[in-house]
Amino acid sequence: MKQESIILRYGKTVKVDIVIGDECRIIDITISGDFFAYPEDSIERLESRLKGCKDELCVEEAFRELSSSVVLGVNVVDLKNKIMGFIKNCRSMYPGGGI
């Protein structure tokens, strides 16, 4: 399991707990921290869409889930880039895509 706490703009803390498996695919992900989202289940829906992603295109599509949501206290682009970074890092460590 890869766990990382990151500080994003405005001094807010966002914690991303991520499990990456075979082919650098997201097995599980939990996003928590000092921010708010409306509707309240927006982040849960995002997490659900991210499960199974193994490339940047899938992550981009998953983040479209937030297009009709209001997210306060976190820069969504920074969060998306951080999650994409986990996948890119996995691919650089395991060029064949497997762990």
C-alpha atoms as a PDB file:
ATOM      1  CA  MET A   1       0.000   0.000   0.000  1.00  0.00           C
ATOM      2  CA  LYS A   2       1.267   3.441  -0.885  1.00  0.00           C
ATOM      3  CA  GLN A   3       0.150   6.121   1.545  1.00  0.00           C
ATOM      4  CA  GLU A   4       1.038   9.749   1.293  1.00  0.00           C
ATOM      5  CA  SER A   5      -0.066  12.978   2.933  1.00  0.00           C
ATOM      6  CA  ILE A   6       0.305  16.071   0.827  1.00  0.00           C
ATOM      7  CA  ILE A   7      -0.102  19.749   1.560  1.00  0.00           C
ATOM      8  CA  LEU A   8      -1.945  21.546  -1.191  1.00  0.00           C
ATOM      9  CA  ARG A   9      -2.753  25.231  -1.627  1.00  0.00           C
ATOM     10  CA  TYR A  10      -4.091  27.282   1.270  1.00  0.00           C
ATOM     11  CA  GLY A  11      -2.334  25.005   3.757  1.00  0.00           C
ATOM     12  CA  LYS A  12      -5.003  22.304   3.576  1.00  0.00           C
ATOM     13  CA  THR A  13      -3.984  18.712   4.128  1.00  0.00           C
ATOM     14  CA  VAL A  14      -5.233  16.009   1.795  1.00  0.00           C
ATOM     15  CA  LYS A  15      -4.433  12.385   2.541  1.00  0.00           C
ATOM     16  CA  VAL A  16      -4.443   9.881  -0.291  1.00  0.00           C
ATOM     17  CA  ASP A  17      -4.314   6.201   0.670  1.00  0.00           C
ATOM     18  CA  ILE A  18      -3.744   4.180  -2.475  1.00  0.00           C
ATOM     19  CA  VAL A  19      -3.188   0.516  -3.230  1.00  0.00           C
ATOM     20  CA  ILE A  20      -1.649  -0.187  -6.623  1.00  0.00           C
ATOM     21  CA  GLY A  21      -1.546  -3.740  -7.935  1.00  0.00           C
ATOM     22  CA  ASP A  22      -0.747  -5.623 -11.099  1.00  0.00           C
ATOM     23  CA  GLU A  23      -0.224  -3.546 -14.239  1.00  0.00           C
ATOM     24  CA  CYS A  24       0.013  -0.451 -11.980  1.00  0.00           C
ATOM     25  CA  ARG A  25      -3.785  -0.542 -11.620  1.00  0.00           C
ATOM     26  CA  ILE A  26      -5.465   1.261  -8.708  1.00  0.00           C
ATOM     27  CA  ILE A  27      -6.948  -1.456  -6.510  1.00  0.00           C
ATOM     28  CA  ASP A  28      -8.206   0.810  -3.739  1.00  0.00           C
ATOM     29  CA  ILE A  29      -8.069   4.524  -2.988  1.00  0.00           C
ATOM     30  CA  THR A  30      -9.291   6.721  -0.153  1.00  0.00           C
ATOM     31  CA  ILE A  31      -9.138  10.515  -0.314  1.00  0.00           C
ATOM     32  CA  SER A  32      -9.625  12.366   2.957  1.00  0.00           C
ATOM     33  CA  GLY A  33      -8.601  15.592   4.599  1.00  0.00           C
ATOM     34  CA  ASP A  34      -9.434  19.164   5.391  1.00  0.00           C
ATOM     35  CA  PHE A  35     -11.872  19.966   2.555  1.00  0.00           C
ATOM     36  CA  PHE A  36     -15.564  19.809   1.665  1.00  0.00           C
ATOM     37  CA  ALA A  37     -17.421  18.497  -1.363  1.00  0.00           C
ATOM     38  CA  TYR A  38     -21.050  18.866  -2.395  1.00  0.00           C
ATOM     39  CA  PRO A  39     -22.922  16.700  -3.085  1.00  0.00           C
ATOM     40  CA  GLU A  40     -21.550  14.872  -0.068  1.00  0.00           C
ATOM     41  CA  ASP A  41     -20.928  11.625  -1.942  1.00  0.00           C
ATOM     42  CA  SER A  42     -18.819  13.290  -4.670  1.00  0.00           C
ATOM     43  CA  ILE A  43     -15.511  12.033  -3.320  1.00  0.00           C
ATOM     44  CA  GLU A  44     -16.886   8.521  -2.784  1.00  0.00           C
ATOM     45  CA  ARG A  45     -18.067   8.456  -6.407  1.00  0.00           C
ATOM     46  CA  LEU A  46     -14.645   9.686  -7.537  1.00  0.00           C
ATOM     47  CA  GLU A  47     -12.879   6.974  -5.519  1.00  0.00           C
ATOM     48  CA  SER A  48     -15.161   4.364  -7.059  1.00  0.00           C
ATOM     49  CA  ARG A  49     -14.396   5.603 -10.589  1.00  0.00           C
ATOM     50  CA  LEU A  50     -10.639   5.613  -9.903  1.00  0.00           C
ATOM     51  CA  LYS A  51     -10.602   1.933  -8.890  1.00  0.00           C
ATOM     52  CA  GLY A  52      -9.282  -0.033 -11.832  1.00  0.00           C
ATOM     53  CA  CYS A  53      -7.496   2.925 -13.442  1.00  0.00           C
ATOM     54  CA  LYS A  54      -4.023   2.207 -14.754  1.00  0.00           C
ATOM     55  CA  ASP A  55      -3.369   5.213 -16.995  1.00  0.00           C
ATOM     56  CA  GLU A  56      -3.770   8.967 -17.105  1.00  0.00           C
ATOM     57  CA  LEU A  57      -6.767   8.859 -19.476  1.00  0.00           C
ATOM     58  CA  CYS A  58      -8.763   6.787 -17.007  1.00  0.00           C
ATOM     59  CA  VAL A  59      -7.858   9.188 -14.171  1.00  0.00           C
ATOM     60  CA  GLU A  60      -8.955  12.169 -16.320  1.00  0.00           C
ATOM     61  CA  GLU A  61     -12.285  10.477 -17.031  1.00  0.00           C
ATOM     62  CA  ALA A  62     -12.773   9.640 -13.344  1.00  0.00           C
ATOM     63  CA  PHE A  63     -12.199  13.269 -12.354  1.00  0.00           C
ATOM     64  CA  ARG A  64     -14.968  14.341 -14.706  1.00  0.00           C
ATOM     65  CA  GLU A  65     -17.165  12.933 -11.932  1.00  0.00           C
ATOM     66  CA  LEU A  66     -16.407  16.145 -10.034  1.00  0.00           C
ATOM     67  CA  SER A  67     -17.406  18.482 -12.882  1.00  0.00           C
ATOM     68  CA  SER A  68     -20.887  19.005 -11.430  1.00  0.00           C
ATOM     69  CA  SER A  69     -19.670  19.114  -7.814  1.00  0.00           C
ATOM     70  CA  VAL A  70     -18.464  21.922  -5.616  1.00  0.00           C
ATOM     71  CA  VAL A  71     -15.163  21.179  -3.893  1.00  0.00           C
ATOM     72  CA  LEU A  72     -13.851  23.668  -1.335  1.00  0.00           C
ATOM     73  CA  GLY A  73     -10.479  23.695   0.375  1.00  0.00           C
ATOM     74  CA  VAL A  74      -8.529  21.666  -2.171  1.00  0.00           C
ATOM     75  CA  ASN A  75      -7.293  22.298  -5.683  1.00  0.00           C
ATOM     76  CA  VAL A  76      -8.804  19.453  -7.713  1.00  0.00           C
ATOM     77  CA  VAL A  77      -6.144  19.750 -10.436  1.00  0.00           C
ATOM     78  CA  ASP A  78      -3.359  19.313  -7.856  1.00  0.00           C
ATOM     79  CA  LEU A  79      -5.147  16.251  -6.463  1.00  0.00           C
ATOM     80  CA  LYS A  80      -5.620  14.737  -9.932  1.00  0.00           C
ATOM     81  CA  ASN A  81      -1.959  15.350 -10.810  1.00  0.00           C
ATOM     82  CA  LYS A  82      -0.843  13.687  -7.570  1.00  0.00           C
ATOM     83  CA  ILE A  83      -2.869  10.555  -8.329  1.00  0.00           C
ATOM     84  CA  MET A  84      -1.519  10.488 -11.884  1.00  0.00           C
ATOM     85  CA  GLY A  85       1.946  10.770 -10.353  1.00  0.00           C
ATOM     86  CA  PHE A  86       1.387   7.562  -8.365  1.00  0.00           C
ATOM     87  CA  ILE A  87       0.647   5.688 -11.596  1.00  0.00           C
ATOM     88  CA  LYS A  88       3.585   7.256 -13.462  1.00  0.00           C
ATOM     89  CA  ASN A  89       5.903   6.413 -10.565  1.00  0.00           C
ATOM     90  CA  CYS A  90       4.713   2.794 -10.593  1.00  0.00           C
ATOM     91  CA  ARG A  91       5.291   2.563 -14.345  1.00  0.00           C
ATOM     92  CA  SER A  92       8.818   3.947 -13.994  1.00  0.00           C
ATOM     93  CA  MET A  93       9.620   1.422 -11.243  1.00  0.00           C
ATOM     94  CA  TYR A  94       7.987  -1.476 -13.115  1.00  0.00           C
ATOM     95  CA  PRO A  95       8.327  -0.743 -16.852  1.00  0.00           C
ATOM     96  CA  GLY A  96       6.470  -3.933 -17.775  1.00  0.00           C
ATOM     97  CA  GLY A  97       3.512  -2.663 -15.765  1.00  0.00           C
ATOM     98  CA  GLY A  98       3.558  -5.470 -13.211  1.00  0.00           C
ATOM     99  CA  ILE A  99       4.361  -5.286  -9.546  1.00  0.00           C
END
